[in-house]
PDB file of all heavy atoms in Angstrom:
ATOM      1  N   GLY A   1       0.813  -1.211   0.000  1.00  0.00           N
ATOM      2  CA  GLY A   1       0.000   0.000   0.000  1.00  0.00           C
ATOM      3  C   GLY A   1       0.845   1.260   0.000  1.00  0.00           C
ATOM      4  O   GLY A   1       0.528   2.236  -0.692  1.00  0.00           O
ATOM      5  N   SER A   2       1.935   1.243   0.759  1.00  0.00           N
ATOM      6  CA  SER A   2       2.849   2.388   0.762  1.00  0.00           C
ATOM      7  C   SER A   2       3.481   2.589  -0.603  1.00  0.00           C
ATOM      8  O   SER A   2       3.655   3.729  -1.062  1.00  0.00           O
ATOM      9  CB  SER A   2       3.932   2.188   1.824  1.00  0.00           C
ATOM     10  OG  SER A   2       3.362   2.053   3.118  1.00  0.00           O
ATOM     11  N   ALA A   3       3.843   1.480  -1.267  1.00  0.00           N
ATOM     12  CA  ALA A   3       4.432   1.577  -2.607  1.00  0.00           C
ATOM     13  C   ALA A   3       3.436   2.176  -3.597  1.00  0.00           C
ATOM     14  O   ALA A   3       3.799   3.035  -4.422  1.00  0.00           O
ATOM     15  CB  ALA A   3       4.884   0.200  -3.077  1.00  0.00           C
ATOM     16  N   LEU A   4       2.199   1.746  -3.539  1.00  0.00           N
ATOM     17  CA  LEU A   4       1.176   2.307  -4.429  1.00  0.00           C
ATOM     18  C   LEU A   4       0.954   3.789  -4.148  1.00  0.00           C
ATOM     19  O   LEU A   4       0.730   4.589  -5.065  1.00  0.00           O
ATOM     20  CB  LEU A   4      -0.130   1.525  -4.274  1.00  0.00           C
ATOM     21  CG  LEU A   4      -0.117   0.076  -4.764  1.00  0.00           C
ATOM     22  CD1 LEU A   4      -1.421  -0.621  -4.409  1.00  0.00           C
ATOM     23  CD2 LEU A   4       0.133   0.002  -6.262  1.00  0.00           C
ATOM     24  N   PHE A   5       1.009   4.163  -2.869  1.00  0.00           N
ATOM     25  CA  PHE A   5       0.836   5.569  -2.494  1.00  0.00           C
ATOM     26  C   PHE A   5       1.981   6.412  -3.050  1.00  0.00           C
ATOM     27  O   PHE A   5       1.754   7.504  -3.601  1.00  0.00           O
ATOM     28  CB  PHE A   5       0.777   5.678  -0.970  1.00  0.00           C
ATOM     29  CG  PHE A   5       0.691   7.094  -0.465  1.00  0.00           C
ATOM     30  CD1 PHE A   5      -0.489   7.810  -0.565  1.00  0.00           C
ATOM     31  CD2 PHE A   5       1.796   7.708   0.092  1.00  0.00           C
ATOM     32  CE1 PHE A   5      -0.572   9.118  -0.107  1.00  0.00           C
ATOM     33  CE2 PHE A   5       1.729   9.008   0.552  1.00  0.00           C
ATOM     34  CZ  PHE A   5       0.540   9.721   0.453  1.00  0.00           C
ATOM     35  N   LEU A   6       3.216   5.930  -2.919  1.00  0.00           N
ATOM     36  CA  LEU A   6       4.366   6.674  -3.433  1.00  0.00           C
ATOM     37  C   LEU A   6       4.324   6.770  -4.959  1.00  0.00           C
ATOM     38  O   LEU A   6       4.710   7.786  -5.533  1.00  0.00           O
ATOM     39  CB  LEU A   6       5.670   5.992  -2.988  1.00  0.00           C
ATOM     40  CG  LEU A   6       5.981   6.027  -1.494  1.00  0.00           C
ATOM     41  CD1 LEU A   6       7.282   5.280  -1.217  1.00  0.00           C
ATOM     42  CD2 LEU A   6       6.076   7.457  -0.991  1.00  0.00           C
ATOM     43  N   TRP A   7       3.873   5.708  -5.616  1.00  0.00           N
ATOM     44  CA  TRP A   7       3.810   5.712  -7.075  1.00  0.00           C
ATOM     45  C   TRP A   7       2.797   6.737  -7.590  1.00  0.00           C
ATOM     46  O   TRP A   7       2.963   7.292  -8.680  1.00  0.00           O
ATOM     47  CB  TRP A   7       3.436   4.320  -7.584  1.00  0.00           C
ATOM     48  CG  TRP A   7       3.347   4.228  -9.061  1.00  0.00           C
ATOM     49  CD1 TRP A   7       2.222   4.205  -9.831  1.00  0.00           C
ATOM     50  CD2 TRP A   7       4.446   4.169  -9.987  1.00  0.00           C
ATOM     51  NE1 TRP A   7       2.543   4.124 -11.169  1.00  0.00           N
ATOM     52  CE2 TRP A   7       3.902   4.105 -11.294  1.00  0.00           C
ATOM     53  CE3 TRP A   7       5.831   4.164  -9.840  1.00  0.00           C
ATOM     54  CZ2 TRP A   7       4.690   4.031 -12.431  1.00  0.00           C
ATOM     55  CZ3 TRP A   7       6.624   4.095 -10.973  1.00  0.00           C
ATOM     56  CH2 TRP A   7       6.053   4.026 -12.255  1.00  0.00           C
ATOM     57  N   ALA A   8       1.770   6.995  -6.799  1.00  0.00           N
ATOM     58  CA  ALA A   8       0.702   7.897  -7.242  1.00  0.00           C
ATOM     59  C   ALA A   8       1.051   9.369  -7.056  1.00  0.00           C
ATOM     60  O   ALA A   8       0.326  10.232  -7.561  1.00  0.00           O
ATOM     61  CB  ALA A   8      -0.590   7.589  -6.484  1.00  0.00           C
ATOM     62  N   ILE A   9       2.134   9.669  -6.333  1.00  0.00           N
ATOM     63  CA  ILE A   9       2.495  11.061  -6.071  1.00  0.00           C
ATOM     64  C   ILE A   9       3.608  11.487  -7.020  1.00  0.00           C
ATOM     65  O   ILE A   9       4.730  10.989  -6.912  1.00  0.00           O
ATOM     66  CB  ILE A   9       2.957  11.257  -4.620  1.00  0.00           C
ATOM     67  CG1 ILE A   9       1.884  10.786  -3.638  1.00  0.00           C
ATOM     68  CG2 ILE A   9       3.280  12.719  -4.349  1.00  0.00           C
ATOM     69  CD1 ILE A   9       2.288  10.923  -2.194  1.00  0.00           C
ATOM     70  N   PRO A  10       3.353  12.389  -7.953  1.00  0.00           N
ATOM     71  CA  PRO A  10       4.415  12.861  -8.844  1.00  0.00           C
ATOM     72  C   PRO A  10       5.407  13.748  -8.113  1.00  0.00           C
ATOM     73  O   PRO A  10       5.105  14.300  -7.046  1.00  0.00           O
ATOM     74  CB  PRO A  10       3.659  13.637  -9.933  1.00  0.00           C
ATOM     75  CG  PRO A  10       2.373  14.045  -9.285  1.00  0.00           C
ATOM     76  CD  PRO A  10       2.048  12.981  -8.286  1.00  0.00           C
ATOM     77  N   ALA A  11       6.590  13.894  -8.698  1.00  0.00           N
ATOM     78  CA  ALA A  11       7.664  14.656  -8.043  1.00  0.00           C
ATOM     79  C   ALA A  11       7.294  16.111  -7.859  1.00  0.00           C
ATOM     80  O   ALA A  11       7.657  16.723  -6.843  1.00  0.00           O
ATOM     81  CB  ALA A  11       8.949  14.531  -8.864  1.00  0.00           C
ATOM     82  N   TYR A  12       6.547  16.695  -8.803  1.00  0.00           N
ATOM     83  CA  TYR A  12       6.228  18.115  -8.694  1.00  0.00           C
ATOM     84  C   TYR A  12       5.166  18.391  -7.627  1.00  0.00           C
ATOM     85  O   TYR A  12       4.924  19.541  -7.274  1.00  0.00           O
ATOM     86  CB  TYR A  12       5.767  18.673 -10.044  1.00  0.00           C
ATOM     87  CG  TYR A  12       4.571  17.981 -10.658  1.00  0.00           C
ATOM     88  CD1 TYR A  12       3.270  18.315 -10.294  1.00  0.00           C
ATOM     89  CD2 TYR A  12       4.747  16.992 -11.618  1.00  0.00           C
ATOM     90  CE1 TYR A  12       2.183  17.693 -10.859  1.00  0.00           C
ATOM     91  CE2 TYR A  12       3.660  16.352 -12.196  1.00  0.00           C
ATOM     92  CZ  TYR A  12       2.384  16.707 -11.815  1.00  0.00           C
ATOM     93  OH  TYR A  12       1.315  16.075 -12.380  1.00  0.00           O
ATOM     94  N   VAL A  13       4.554  17.333  -7.112  1.00  0.00           N
ATOM     95  CA  VAL A  13       3.627  17.483  -5.978  1.00  0.00           C
ATOM     96  C   VAL A  13       4.332  17.145  -4.673  1.00  0.00           C
ATOM     97  O   VAL A  13       4.181  17.850  -3.671  1.00  0.00           O
ATOM     98  CB  VAL A  13       2.390  16.582  -6.169  1.00  0.00           C
ATOM     99  CG1 VAL A  13       1.498  16.614  -4.929  1.00  0.00           C
ATOM    100  CG2 VAL A  13       1.592  17.014  -7.393  1.00  0.00           C
ATOM    101  N   ALA A  14       5.119  16.061  -4.676  1.00  0.00           N
ATOM    102  CA  ALA A  14       5.797  15.627  -3.448  1.00  0.00           C
ATOM    103  C   ALA A  14       6.811  16.658  -2.968  1.00  0.00           C
ATOM    104  O   ALA A  14       6.948  16.883  -1.760  1.00  0.00           O
ATOM    105  CB  ALA A  14       6.475  14.281  -3.680  1.00  0.00           C
ATOM    106  N   GLY A  15       7.536  17.301  -3.896  1.00  0.00           N
ATOM    107  CA  GLY A  15       8.563  18.263  -3.509  1.00  0.00           C
ATOM    108  C   GLY A  15       8.026  19.432  -2.702  1.00  0.00           C
ATOM    109  O   GLY A  15       8.439  19.660  -1.557  1.00  0.00           O
ATOM    110  N   PRO A  16       7.080  20.203  -3.246  1.00  0.00           N
ATOM    111  CA  PRO A  16       6.522  21.331  -2.468  1.00  0.00           C
ATOM    112  C   PRO A  16       5.834  20.902  -1.183  1.00  0.00           C
ATOM    113  O   PRO A  16       5.931  21.584  -0.160  1.00  0.00           O
ATOM    114  CB  PRO A  16       5.527  21.968  -3.447  1.00  0.00           C
ATOM    115  CG  PRO A  16       6.019  21.578  -4.801  1.00  0.00           C
ATOM    116  CD  PRO A  16       6.593  20.209  -4.634  1.00  0.00           C
ATOM    117  N   LEU A  17       5.123  19.760  -1.204  1.00  0.00           N
ATOM    118  CA  LEU A  17       4.438  19.306   0.001  1.00  0.00           C
ATOM    119  C   LEU A  17       5.429  18.974   1.116  1.00  0.00           C
ATOM    120  O   LEU A  17       5.201  19.319   2.289  1.00  0.00           O
ATOM    121  CB  LEU A  17       3.569  18.080  -0.313  1.00  0.00           C
ATOM    122  CG  LEU A  17       2.280  18.330  -1.097  1.00  0.00           C
ATOM    123  CD1 LEU A  17       1.545  17.029  -1.338  1.00  0.00           C
ATOM    124  CD2 LEU A  17       1.380  19.309  -0.354  1.00  0.00           C
ATOM    125  N   LEU A  18       6.526  18.315   0.778  1.00  0.00           N
ATOM    126  CA  LEU A  18       7.522  17.977   1.793  1.00  0.00           C
ATOM    127  C   LEU A  18       8.206  19.230   2.328  1.00  0.00           C
ATOM    128  O   LEU A  18       8.538  19.301   3.516  1.00  0.00           O
ATOM    129  CB  LEU A  18       8.550  17.008   1.221  1.00  0.00           C
ATOM    130  CG  LEU A  18       8.089  15.557   1.061  1.00  0.00           C
ATOM    131  CD1 LEU A  18       9.199  14.700   0.458  1.00  0.00           C
ATOM    132  CD2 LEU A  18       7.655  14.970   2.395  1.00  0.00           C
ATOM    133  N   MET A  19       8.433  20.211   1.458  1.00  0.00           N
ATOM    134  CA  MET A  19       9.030  21.456   1.928  1.00  0.00           C
ATOM    135  C   MET A  19       8.095  22.177   2.908  1.00  0.00           C
ATOM    136  O   MET A  19       8.532  22.678   3.955  1.00  0.00           O
ATOM    137  CB  MET A  19       9.357  22.369   0.739  1.00  0.00           C
ATOM    138  CG  MET A  19      10.486  21.859  -0.132  1.00  0.00           C
ATOM    139  SD  MET A  19      10.945  23.019  -1.435  1.00  0.00           S
ATOM    140  CE  MET A  19      11.750  24.298  -0.474  1.00  0.00           C
ATOM    141  N   VAL A  20       6.803  22.224   2.582  1.00  0.00           N
ATOM    142  CA  VAL A  20       5.836  22.852   3.481  1.00  0.00           C
ATOM    143  C   VAL A  20       5.756  22.080   4.794  1.00  0.00           C
ATOM    144  O   VAL A  20       5.719  22.667   5.888  1.00  0.00           O
ATOM    145  CB  VAL A  20       4.450  22.927   2.812  1.00  0.00           C
ATOM    146  CG1 VAL A  20       3.393  23.394   3.808  1.00  0.00           C
ATOM    147  CG2 VAL A  20       4.493  23.860   1.608  1.00  0.00           C
ATOM    148  N   LEU A  21       5.743  20.739   4.701  1.00  0.00           N
ATOM    149  CA  LEU A  21       5.687  19.910   5.904  1.00  0.00           C
ATOM    150  C   LEU A  21       6.909  20.128   6.774  1.00  0.00           C
ATOM    151  O   LEU A  21       6.810  20.209   8.012  1.00  0.00           O
ATOM    152  CB  LEU A  21       5.570  18.439   5.506  1.00  0.00           C
ATOM    153  CG  LEU A  21       5.441  17.429   6.655  1.00  0.00           C
ATOM    154  CD1 LEU A  21       4.157  17.692   7.444  1.00  0.00           C
ATOM    155  CD2 LEU A  21       5.449  16.003   6.109  1.00  0.00           C
ATOM    156  N   LEU A  22       8.070  20.256   6.145  1.00  0.00           N
ATOM    157  CA  LEU A  22       9.296  20.483   6.908  1.00  0.00           C
ATOM    158  C   LEU A  22       9.265  21.827   7.623  1.00  0.00           C
ATOM    159  O   LEU A  22       9.716  21.948   8.774  1.00  0.00           O
ATOM    160  CB  LEU A  22      10.508  20.412   5.969  1.00  0.00           C
ATOM    161  CG  LEU A  22      11.886  20.505   6.625  1.00  0.00           C
ATOM    162  CD1 LEU A  22      12.118  19.317   7.550  1.00  0.00           C
ATOM    163  CD2 LEU A  22      12.980  20.570   5.573  1.00  0.00           C
ATOM    164  N   ILE A  23       8.734  22.835   6.962  1.00  0.00           N
ATOM    165  CA  ILE A  23       8.634  24.161   7.580  1.00  0.00           C
ATOM    166  C   ILE A  23       7.666  24.139   8.757  1.00  0.00           C
ATOM    167  O   ILE A  23       7.909  24.757   9.801  1.00  0.00           O
ATOM    168  CB  ILE A  23       8.193  25.205   6.535  1.00  0.00           C
ATOM    169  CG1 ILE A  23       9.285  25.365   5.468  1.00  0.00           C
ATOM    170  CG2 ILE A  23       7.903  26.539   7.197  1.00  0.00           C
ATOM    171  CD1 ILE A  23       8.881  26.255   4.326  1.00  0.00           C
ATOM    172  N   LEU A  24       6.570  23.381   8.625  1.00  0.00           N
ATOM    173  CA  LEU A  24       5.604  23.299   9.718  1.00  0.00           C
ATOM    174  C   LEU A  24       6.167  22.531  10.906  1.00  0.00           C
ATOM    175  O   LEU A  24       5.894  22.869  12.066  1.00  0.00           O
ATOM    176  CB  LEU A  24       4.323  22.624   9.221  1.00  0.00           C
ATOM    177  CG  LEU A  24       3.501  23.404   8.181  1.00  0.00           C
ATOM    178  CD1 LEU A  24       2.306  22.587   7.723  1.00  0.00           C
ATOM    179  CD2 LEU A  24       3.051  24.742   8.756  1.00  0.00           C
ATOM    180  N   ILE A  25       6.946  21.493  10.626  1.00  0.00           N
ATOM    181  CA  ILE A  25       7.516  20.697  11.710  1.00  0.00           C
ATOM    182  C   ILE A  25       8.661  21.430  12.384  1.00  0.00           C
ATOM    183  O   ILE A  25       8.813  21.397  13.607  1.00  0.00           O
ATOM    184  CB  ILE A  25       7.990  19.330  11.176  1.00  0.00           C
ATOM    185  CG1 ILE A  25       6.793  18.505  10.686  1.00  0.00           C
ATOM    186  CG2 ILE A  25       8.745  18.554  12.253  1.00  0.00           C
ATOM    187  CD1 ILE A  25       7.178  17.192  10.066  1.00  0.00           C
ATOM    188  N   LEU A  26       9.478  22.100  11.579  1.00  0.00           N
ATOM    189  CA  LEU A  26      10.641  22.816  12.106  1.00  0.00           C
ATOM    190  C   LEU A  26      10.447  24.315  11.883  1.00  0.00           C
ATOM    191  O   LEU A  26      11.001  24.881  10.932  1.00  0.00           O
ATOM    192  CB  LEU A  26      11.926  22.332  11.426  1.00  0.00           C
ATOM    193  CG  LEU A  26      12.259  20.847  11.572  1.00  0.00           C
ATOM    194  CD1 LEU A  26      13.465  20.492  10.726  1.00  0.00           C
ATOM    195  CD2 LEU A  26      12.506  20.504  13.040  1.00  0.00           C
ATOM    196  N   PRO A  27       9.671  24.974  12.689  1.00  0.00           N
ATOM    197  CA  PRO A  27       9.452  26.420  12.501  1.00  0.00           C
ATOM    198  C   PRO A  27      10.753  27.189  12.690  1.00  0.00           C
ATOM    199  O   PRO A  27      11.501  26.957  13.618  1.00  0.00           O
ATOM    200  CB  PRO A  27       8.436  26.768  13.596  1.00  0.00           C
ATOM    201  CG  PRO A  27       8.576  25.691  14.615  1.00  0.00           C
ATOM    202  CD  PRO A  27       8.960  24.456  13.865  1.00  0.00           C
ATOM    203  N   GLY A  28      11.000  28.080  11.756  1.00  0.00           N
ATOM    204  CA  GLY A  28      12.238  28.854  11.822  1.00  0.00           C
ATOM    205  C   GLY A  28      13.426  28.147  11.224  1.00  0.00           C
ATOM    206  O   GLY A  28      14.515  28.726  11.130  1.00  0.00           O
ATOM    207  N   GLY A  29      13.254  26.896  10.803  1.00  0.00           N
ATOM    208  CA  GLY A  29      14.364  26.157  10.210  1.00  0.00           C
ATOM    209  C   GLY A  29      14.603  26.581   8.773  1.00  0.00           C
ATOM    210  O   GLY A  29      13.743  27.140   8.109  1.00  0.00           O
ATOM    211  N   SER A  30      15.776  26.315   8.293  1.00  0.00           N
ATOM    212  CA  SER A  30      16.137  26.701   6.932  1.00  0.00           C
ATOM    213  C   SER A  30      15.554  25.705   5.930  1.00  0.00           C
ATOM    214  O   SER A  30      15.525  24.497   6.173  1.00  0.00           O
ATOM    215  CB  SER A  30      17.660  26.744   6.786  1.00  0.00           C
ATOM    216  OG  SER A  30      18.227  25.482   7.065  1.00  0.00           O
ATOM    217  N   VAL A  31      15.077  26.213   4.814  1.00  0.00           N
ATOM    218  CA  VAL A  31      14.534  25.370   3.758  1.00  0.00           C
ATOM    219  C   VAL A  31      15.686  24.738   2.983  1.00  0.00           C
ATOM    220  O   VAL A  31      16.658  25.422   2.644  1.00  0.00           O
ATOM    221  CB  VAL A  31      13.647  26.209   2.806  1.00  0.00           C
ATOM    222  CG1 VAL A  31      13.120  25.346   1.676  1.00  0.00           C
ATOM    223  CG2 VAL A  31      12.511  26.836   3.576  1.00  0.00           C
ATOM    224  N   PRO A  32      15.635  23.422   2.690  1.00  0.00           N
ATOM    225  CA  PRO A  32      16.721  22.767   1.947  1.00  0.00           C
ATOM    226  C   PRO A  32      16.742  23.209   0.493  1.00  0.00           C
ATOM    227  O   PRO A  32      16.188  22.534  -0.381  1.00  0.00           O
ATOM    228  CB  PRO A  32      16.397  21.277   2.091  1.00  0.00           C
ATOM    229  CG  PRO A  32      14.920  21.233   2.303  1.00  0.00           C
ATOM    230  CD  PRO A  32      14.577  22.472   3.077  1.00  0.00           C
ATOM    231  N   TYR A  33      17.359  24.330   0.233  1.00  0.00           N
ATOM    232  CA  TYR A  33      17.383  24.908  -1.107  1.00  0.00           C
ATOM    233  C   TYR A  33      18.834  25.130  -1.513  1.00  0.00           C
ATOM    234  O   TYR A  33      19.624  25.713  -0.775  1.00  0.00           O
ATOM    235  CB  TYR A  33      16.630  26.236  -1.122  1.00  0.00           C
ATOM    236  CG  TYR A  33      16.350  26.781  -2.495  1.00  0.00           C
ATOM    237  CD1 TYR A  33      15.241  26.361  -3.217  1.00  0.00           C
ATOM    238  CD2 TYR A  33      17.200  27.716  -3.074  1.00  0.00           C
ATOM    239  CE1 TYR A  33      14.978  26.863  -4.486  1.00  0.00           C
ATOM    240  CE2 TYR A  33      16.942  28.223  -4.339  1.00  0.00           C
ATOM    241  CZ  TYR A  33      15.834  27.792  -5.038  1.00  0.00           C
ATOM    242  OH  TYR A  33      15.595  28.290  -6.300  1.00  0.00           O
ATOM    243  N   GLY A  34      19.205  24.643  -2.707  1.00  0.00           N
ATOM    244  CA  GLY A  34      20.568  24.818  -3.202  1.00  0.00           C
ATOM    245  C   GLY A  34      21.343  23.508  -3.194  1.00  0.00           C
ATOM    246  O   GLY A  34      20.841  22.448  -2.798  1.00  0.00           O
ATOM    247  N   TRP A  35      22.579  23.598  -3.637  1.00  0.00           N
ATOM    248  CA  TRP A  35      23.417  22.406  -3.803  1.00  0.00           C
ATOM    249  C   TRP A  35      24.730  22.583  -3.065  1.00  0.00           C
ATOM    250  O   TRP A  35      25.408  23.589  -3.222  1.00  0.00           O
ATOM    251  CB  TRP A  35      23.682  22.161  -5.290  1.00  0.00           C
ATOM    252  CG  TRP A  35      24.657  21.064  -5.584  1.00  0.00           C
ATOM    253  CD1 TRP A  35      25.966  21.197  -5.955  1.00  0.00           C
ATOM    254  CD2 TRP A  35      24.404  19.661  -5.557  1.00  0.00           C
ATOM    255  NE1 TRP A  35      26.540  19.978  -6.148  1.00  0.00           N
ATOM    256  CE2 TRP A  35      25.596  18.999  -5.914  1.00  0.00           C
ATOM    257  CE3 TRP A  35      23.278  18.883  -5.269  1.00  0.00           C
ATOM    258  CZ2 TRP A  35      25.710  17.618  -5.996  1.00  0.00           C
ATOM    259  CZ3 TRP A  35      23.388  17.501  -5.341  1.00  0.00           C
ATOM    260  CH2 TRP A  35      24.579  16.891  -5.704  1.00  0.00           C
ATOM    261  N   GLY A  36      25.065  21.590  -2.254  1.00  0.00           N
ATOM    262  CA  GLY A  36      26.331  21.616  -1.536  1.00  0.00           C
ATOM    263  C   GLY A  36      27.081  20.312  -1.644  1.00  0.00           C
ATOM    264  O   GLY A  36      27.979  20.049  -0.841  1.00  0.00           O
ATOM    265  N   GLY A  37      26.720  19.465  -2.632  1.00  0.00           N
ATOM    266  CA  GLY A  37      27.372  18.180  -2.798  1.00  0.00           C
ATOM    267  C   GLY A  37      26.526  17.049  -2.236  1.00  0.00           C
ATOM    268  O   GLY A  37      25.520  17.258  -1.545  1.00  0.00           O
ATOM    269  N   ILE A  38      26.946  15.815  -2.516  1.00  0.00           N
ATOM    270  CA  ILE A  38      26.148  14.650  -2.117  1.00  0.00           C
ATOM    271  C   ILE A  38      26.224  14.381  -0.619  1.00  0.00           C
ATOM    272  O   ILE A  38      25.422  13.598  -0.086  1.00  0.00           O
ATOM    273  CB  ILE A  38      26.586  13.394  -2.893  1.00  0.00           C
ATOM    274  CG1 ILE A  38      28.071  13.096  -2.641  1.00  0.00           C
ATOM    275  CG2 ILE A  38      26.324  13.554  -4.373  1.00  0.00           C
ATOM    276  CD1 ILE A  38      28.529  11.798  -3.286  1.00  0.00           C
TER     277      ILE A  38
END
């Protein structure tokens, strides 16, 4: 069921939703934006 749920969520929806969720969970935290290597 989890696999089917992940398959149904496109990247352009999952990305913004996870960013919003991260901001709500970590208020005042920095948004993971940019590249600093692997």
